[in-house]
Amino acid sequence: MDLNKPSVENAAFMVEEIQKKLRVVNMGVIKSTHFREEQYEELKDVYDYVMKKESFSVNEMDGILEELKQLRNA
């Protein structure tokens, strides 16, 4: 899987992995269908950041979820 190539499948994979890593309880909060192709790079940036970290403070988690919320509403 080449995540550098925008696709619906890649976006779905990244969103699922972000949810797992952040242990999002309400999976409906973040869905790959919330993001347009123009937002793929921003979603990938969030994914890359989340995947390289071992753990997150509550503030970091809130910030990441807020960033995803802003992308979703853009």
N, C-alpha and C. Protein backbone atom coordinates (compact mmCIF):
# COMPACT_ATOMS: atom_id res chain seq x y z
N MET A 1 0.85 -1.18 0.00
CA MET A 1 0.00 0.00 0.00
C MET A 1 0.89 1.24 0.00
N ASP A 2 0.69 2.10 -0.96
CA ASP A 2 1.46 3.34 -1.06
C ASP A 2 0.59 4.50 -0.59
N LEU A 3 0.80 4.92 0.64
CA LEU A 3 -0.03 5.99 1.21
C LEU A 3 0.27 7.36 0.62
N ASN A 4 1.31 7.45 -0.21
CA ASN A 4 1.60 8.72 -0.86
C ASN A 4 0.68 8.98 -2.04
N LYS A 5 -0.08 7.97 -2.45
CA LYS A 5 -1.03 8.12 -3.55
C LYS A 5 -2.44 8.26 -2.98
N PRO A 6 -3.07 9.41 -3.19
CA PRO A 6 -4.42 9.61 -2.67
C PRO A 6 -5.41 8.60 -3.24
N SER A 7 -6.15 7.97 -2.34
CA SER A 7 -7.23 7.09 -2.75
C SER A 7 -8.19 6.93 -1.58
N VAL A 8 -9.39 6.50 -1.90
CA VAL A 8 -10.40 6.26 -0.87
C VAL A 8 -9.93 5.17 0.08
N GLU A 9 -9.33 4.13 -0.47
CA GLU A 9 -8.85 3.02 0.34
C GLU A 9 -7.74 3.47 1.29
N ASN A 10 -6.83 4.28 0.80
CA ASN A 10 -5.74 4.77 1.65
C ASN A 10 -6.28 5.67 2.76
N ALA A 11 -7.22 6.53 2.44
CA ALA A 11 -7.83 7.40 3.45
C ALA A 11 -8.52 6.56 4.51
N ALA A 12 -9.27 5.53 4.09
CA ALA A 12 -9.96 4.65 5.04
C ALA A 12 -8.95 3.94 5.94
N PHE A 13 -7.86 3.47 5.36
CA PHE A 13 -6.82 2.80 6.14
C PHE A 13 -6.23 3.75 7.18
N MET A 14 -5.88 4.96 6.77
CA MET A 14 -5.26 5.92 7.69
C MET A 14 -6.22 6.28 8.82
N VAL A 15 -7.48 6.52 8.50
CA VAL A 15 -8.46 6.87 9.53
C VAL A 15 -8.61 5.71 10.52
N GLU A 16 -8.68 4.50 10.03
CA GLU A 16 -8.81 3.33 10.90
C GLU A 16 -7.59 3.20 11.83
N GLU A 17 -6.41 3.40 11.28
CA GLU A 17 -5.19 3.30 12.09
C GLU A 17 -5.11 4.43 13.12
N ILE A 18 -5.53 5.63 12.76
CA ILE A 18 -5.55 6.75 13.71
C ILE A 18 -6.52 6.41 14.85
N GLN A 19 -7.68 5.89 14.51
CA GLN A 19 -8.66 5.52 15.53
C GLN A 19 -8.09 4.48 16.49
N LYS A 20 -7.42 3.47 15.95
CA LYS A 20 -6.83 2.43 16.79
C LYS A 20 -5.77 3.00 17.73
N LYS A 21 -4.90 3.81 17.15
CA LYS A 21 -3.77 4.35 17.93
C LYS A 21 -4.25 5.28 19.03
N LEU A 22 -5.29 6.08 18.73
CA LEU A 22 -5.81 7.02 19.72
C LEU A 22 -6.85 6.37 20.63
N ARG A 23 -7.22 5.13 20.30
CA ARG A 23 -8.24 4.41 21.06
C ARG A 23 -9.54 5.19 21.11
N VAL A 24 -9.96 5.66 19.95
CA VAL A 24 -11.21 6.42 19.84
C VAL A 24 -12.37 5.47 20.14
N VAL A 25 -13.17 5.84 21.14
CA VAL A 25 -14.28 4.99 21.55
C VAL A 25 -15.43 5.09 20.55
N ASN A 26 -15.78 6.29 20.17
CA ASN A 26 -16.88 6.50 19.24
C ASN A 26 -16.31 6.58 17.82
N MET A 27 -16.26 5.44 17.15
CA MET A 27 -15.65 5.36 15.82
C MET A 27 -16.38 6.22 14.79
N GLY A 28 -17.63 6.56 15.05
CA GLY A 28 -18.38 7.38 14.11
C GLY A 28 -17.93 8.82 14.06
N VAL A 29 -17.14 9.23 15.04
CA VAL A 29 -16.65 10.61 15.09
C VAL A 29 -15.74 10.90 13.91
N ILE A 30 -14.92 9.93 13.55
CA ILE A 30 -13.98 10.09 12.45
C ILE A 30 -14.25 9.00 11.41
N LYS A 31 -14.62 9.42 10.22
CA LYS A 31 -14.84 8.47 9.12
C LYS A 31 -14.08 8.96 7.90
N SER A 32 -13.61 8.04 7.12
CA SER A 32 -12.86 8.43 5.92
C SER A 32 -13.75 9.20 4.95
N THR A 33 -15.05 8.98 5.01
CA THR A 33 -15.97 9.69 4.11
C THR A 33 -16.11 11.16 4.47
N HIS A 34 -15.60 11.55 5.64
CA HIS A 34 -15.64 12.95 6.06
C HIS A 34 -14.60 13.80 5.34
N PHE A 35 -13.66 13.16 4.67
CA PHE A 35 -12.54 13.89 4.08
C PHE A 35 -12.60 13.84 2.56
N ARG A 36 -12.34 15.00 1.95
CA ARG A 36 -12.30 15.08 0.49
C ARG A 36 -10.88 14.82 0.00
N GLU A 37 -10.76 14.53 -1.27
CA GLU A 37 -9.45 14.24 -1.85
C GLU A 37 -8.48 15.40 -1.67
N GLU A 38 -8.99 16.63 -1.69
CA GLU A 38 -8.12 17.80 -1.53
C GLU A 38 -7.49 17.84 -0.13
N GLN A 39 -8.06 17.12 0.82
CA GLN A 39 -7.57 17.12 2.19
C GLN A 39 -6.65 15.93 2.47
N TYR A 40 -6.38 15.15 1.46
CA TYR A 40 -5.61 13.92 1.65
C TYR A 40 -4.25 14.19 2.28
N GLU A 41 -3.54 15.20 1.80
CA GLU A 41 -2.20 15.49 2.33
C GLU A 41 -2.26 15.85 3.81
N GLU A 42 -3.25 16.65 4.20
CA GLU A 42 -3.40 17.02 5.60
C GLU A 42 -3.72 15.79 6.46
N LEU A 43 -4.60 14.92 5.94
CA LEU A 43 -4.91 13.69 6.65
C LEU A 43 -3.65 12.82 6.79
N LYS A 44 -2.86 12.76 5.74
CA LYS A 44 -1.61 11.98 5.77
C LYS A 44 -0.64 12.56 6.79
N ASP A 45 -0.58 13.88 6.89
CA ASP A 45 0.29 14.52 7.88
C ASP A 45 -0.13 14.12 9.30
N VAL A 46 -1.43 14.14 9.56
CA VAL A 46 -1.93 13.73 10.88
C VAL A 46 -1.60 12.27 11.12
N TYR A 47 -1.83 11.42 10.12
CA TYR A 47 -1.53 10.00 10.22
C TYR A 47 -0.05 9.78 10.54
N ASP A 48 0.83 10.44 9.81
CA ASP A 48 2.28 10.29 10.03
C ASP A 48 2.66 10.70 11.45
N TYR A 49 2.09 11.79 11.93
CA TYR A 49 2.38 12.26 13.28
C TYR A 49 1.92 11.23 14.32
N VAL A 50 0.69 10.75 14.17
CA VAL A 50 0.13 9.80 15.13
C VAL A 50 0.93 8.50 15.14
N MET A 51 1.32 8.01 13.97
CA MET A 51 2.01 6.73 13.89
C MET A 51 3.43 6.77 14.47
N LYS A 52 4.06 7.94 14.47
CA LYS A 52 5.43 7.99 14.97
C LYS A 52 5.50 8.16 16.49
N LYS A 53 4.37 8.47 17.12
CA LYS A 53 4.35 8.65 18.57
C LYS A 53 3.97 7.35 19.27
N GLU A 54 4.57 7.12 20.43
CA GLU A 54 4.25 5.93 21.22
C GLU A 54 3.03 6.15 22.10
N SER A 55 2.92 7.34 22.67
CA SER A 55 1.79 7.64 23.55
C SER A 55 1.41 9.11 23.39
N PHE A 56 0.25 9.45 23.93
CA PHE A 56 -0.28 10.80 23.76
C PHE A 56 -0.83 11.31 25.08
N SER A 57 -0.59 12.58 25.34
CA SER A 57 -1.24 13.20 26.49
C SER A 57 -2.69 13.50 26.09
N VAL A 58 -3.48 13.80 27.08
CA VAL A 58 -4.88 14.14 26.82
C VAL A 58 -4.94 15.37 25.91
N ASN A 59 -4.08 16.34 26.16
CA ASN A 59 -4.06 17.56 25.34
C ASN A 59 -3.68 17.26 23.90
N GLU A 60 -2.70 16.35 23.70
CA GLU A 60 -2.32 15.97 22.34
C GLU A 60 -3.47 15.29 21.62
N MET A 61 -4.14 14.38 22.32
CA MET A 61 -5.28 13.69 21.71
C MET A 61 -6.37 14.67 21.33
N ASP A 62 -6.66 15.60 22.23
CA ASP A 62 -7.66 16.62 21.93
C ASP A 62 -7.26 17.45 20.72
N GLY A 63 -5.98 17.80 20.65
CA GLY A 63 -5.49 18.58 19.52
C GLY A 63 -5.60 17.82 18.20
N ILE A 64 -5.26 16.55 18.22
CA ILE A 64 -5.34 15.73 17.00
C ILE A 64 -6.79 15.60 16.56
N LEU A 65 -7.68 15.31 17.50
CA LEU A 65 -9.09 15.18 17.15
C LEU A 65 -9.67 16.50 16.66
N GLU A 66 -9.21 17.60 17.25
CA GLU A 66 -9.67 18.92 16.79
C GLU A 66 -9.19 19.20 15.37
N GLU A 67 -7.94 18.83 15.08
CA GLU A 67 -7.41 18.99 13.72
C GLU A 67 -8.24 18.19 12.72
N LEU A 68 -8.56 16.95 13.07
CA LEU A 68 -9.39 16.12 12.17
C LEU A 68 -10.78 16.71 12.02
N LYS A 69 -11.30 17.28 13.09
CA LYS A 69 -12.63 17.92 13.03
C LYS A 69 -12.59 19.12 12.09
N GLN A 70 -11.54 19.92 12.18
CA GLN A 70 -11.42 21.08 11.30
C GLN A 70 -11.27 20.66 9.84
N LEU A 71 -10.51 19.59 9.59
CA LEU A 71 -10.39 19.07 8.22
C LEU A 71 -11.74 18.61 7.70
N ARG A 72 -12.46 17.93 8.59
CA ARG A 72 -13.77 17.40 8.19
C ARG A 72 -14.74 18.52 7.83
N ASN A 73 -14.67 19.62 8.56
CA ASN A 73 -15.61 20.72 8.35
C ASN A 73 -15.15 21.70 7.28
N ALA A 74 -13.93 21.53 6.78
CA ALA A 74 -13.39 22.47 5.78
C ALA A 74 -14.05 22.27 4.43
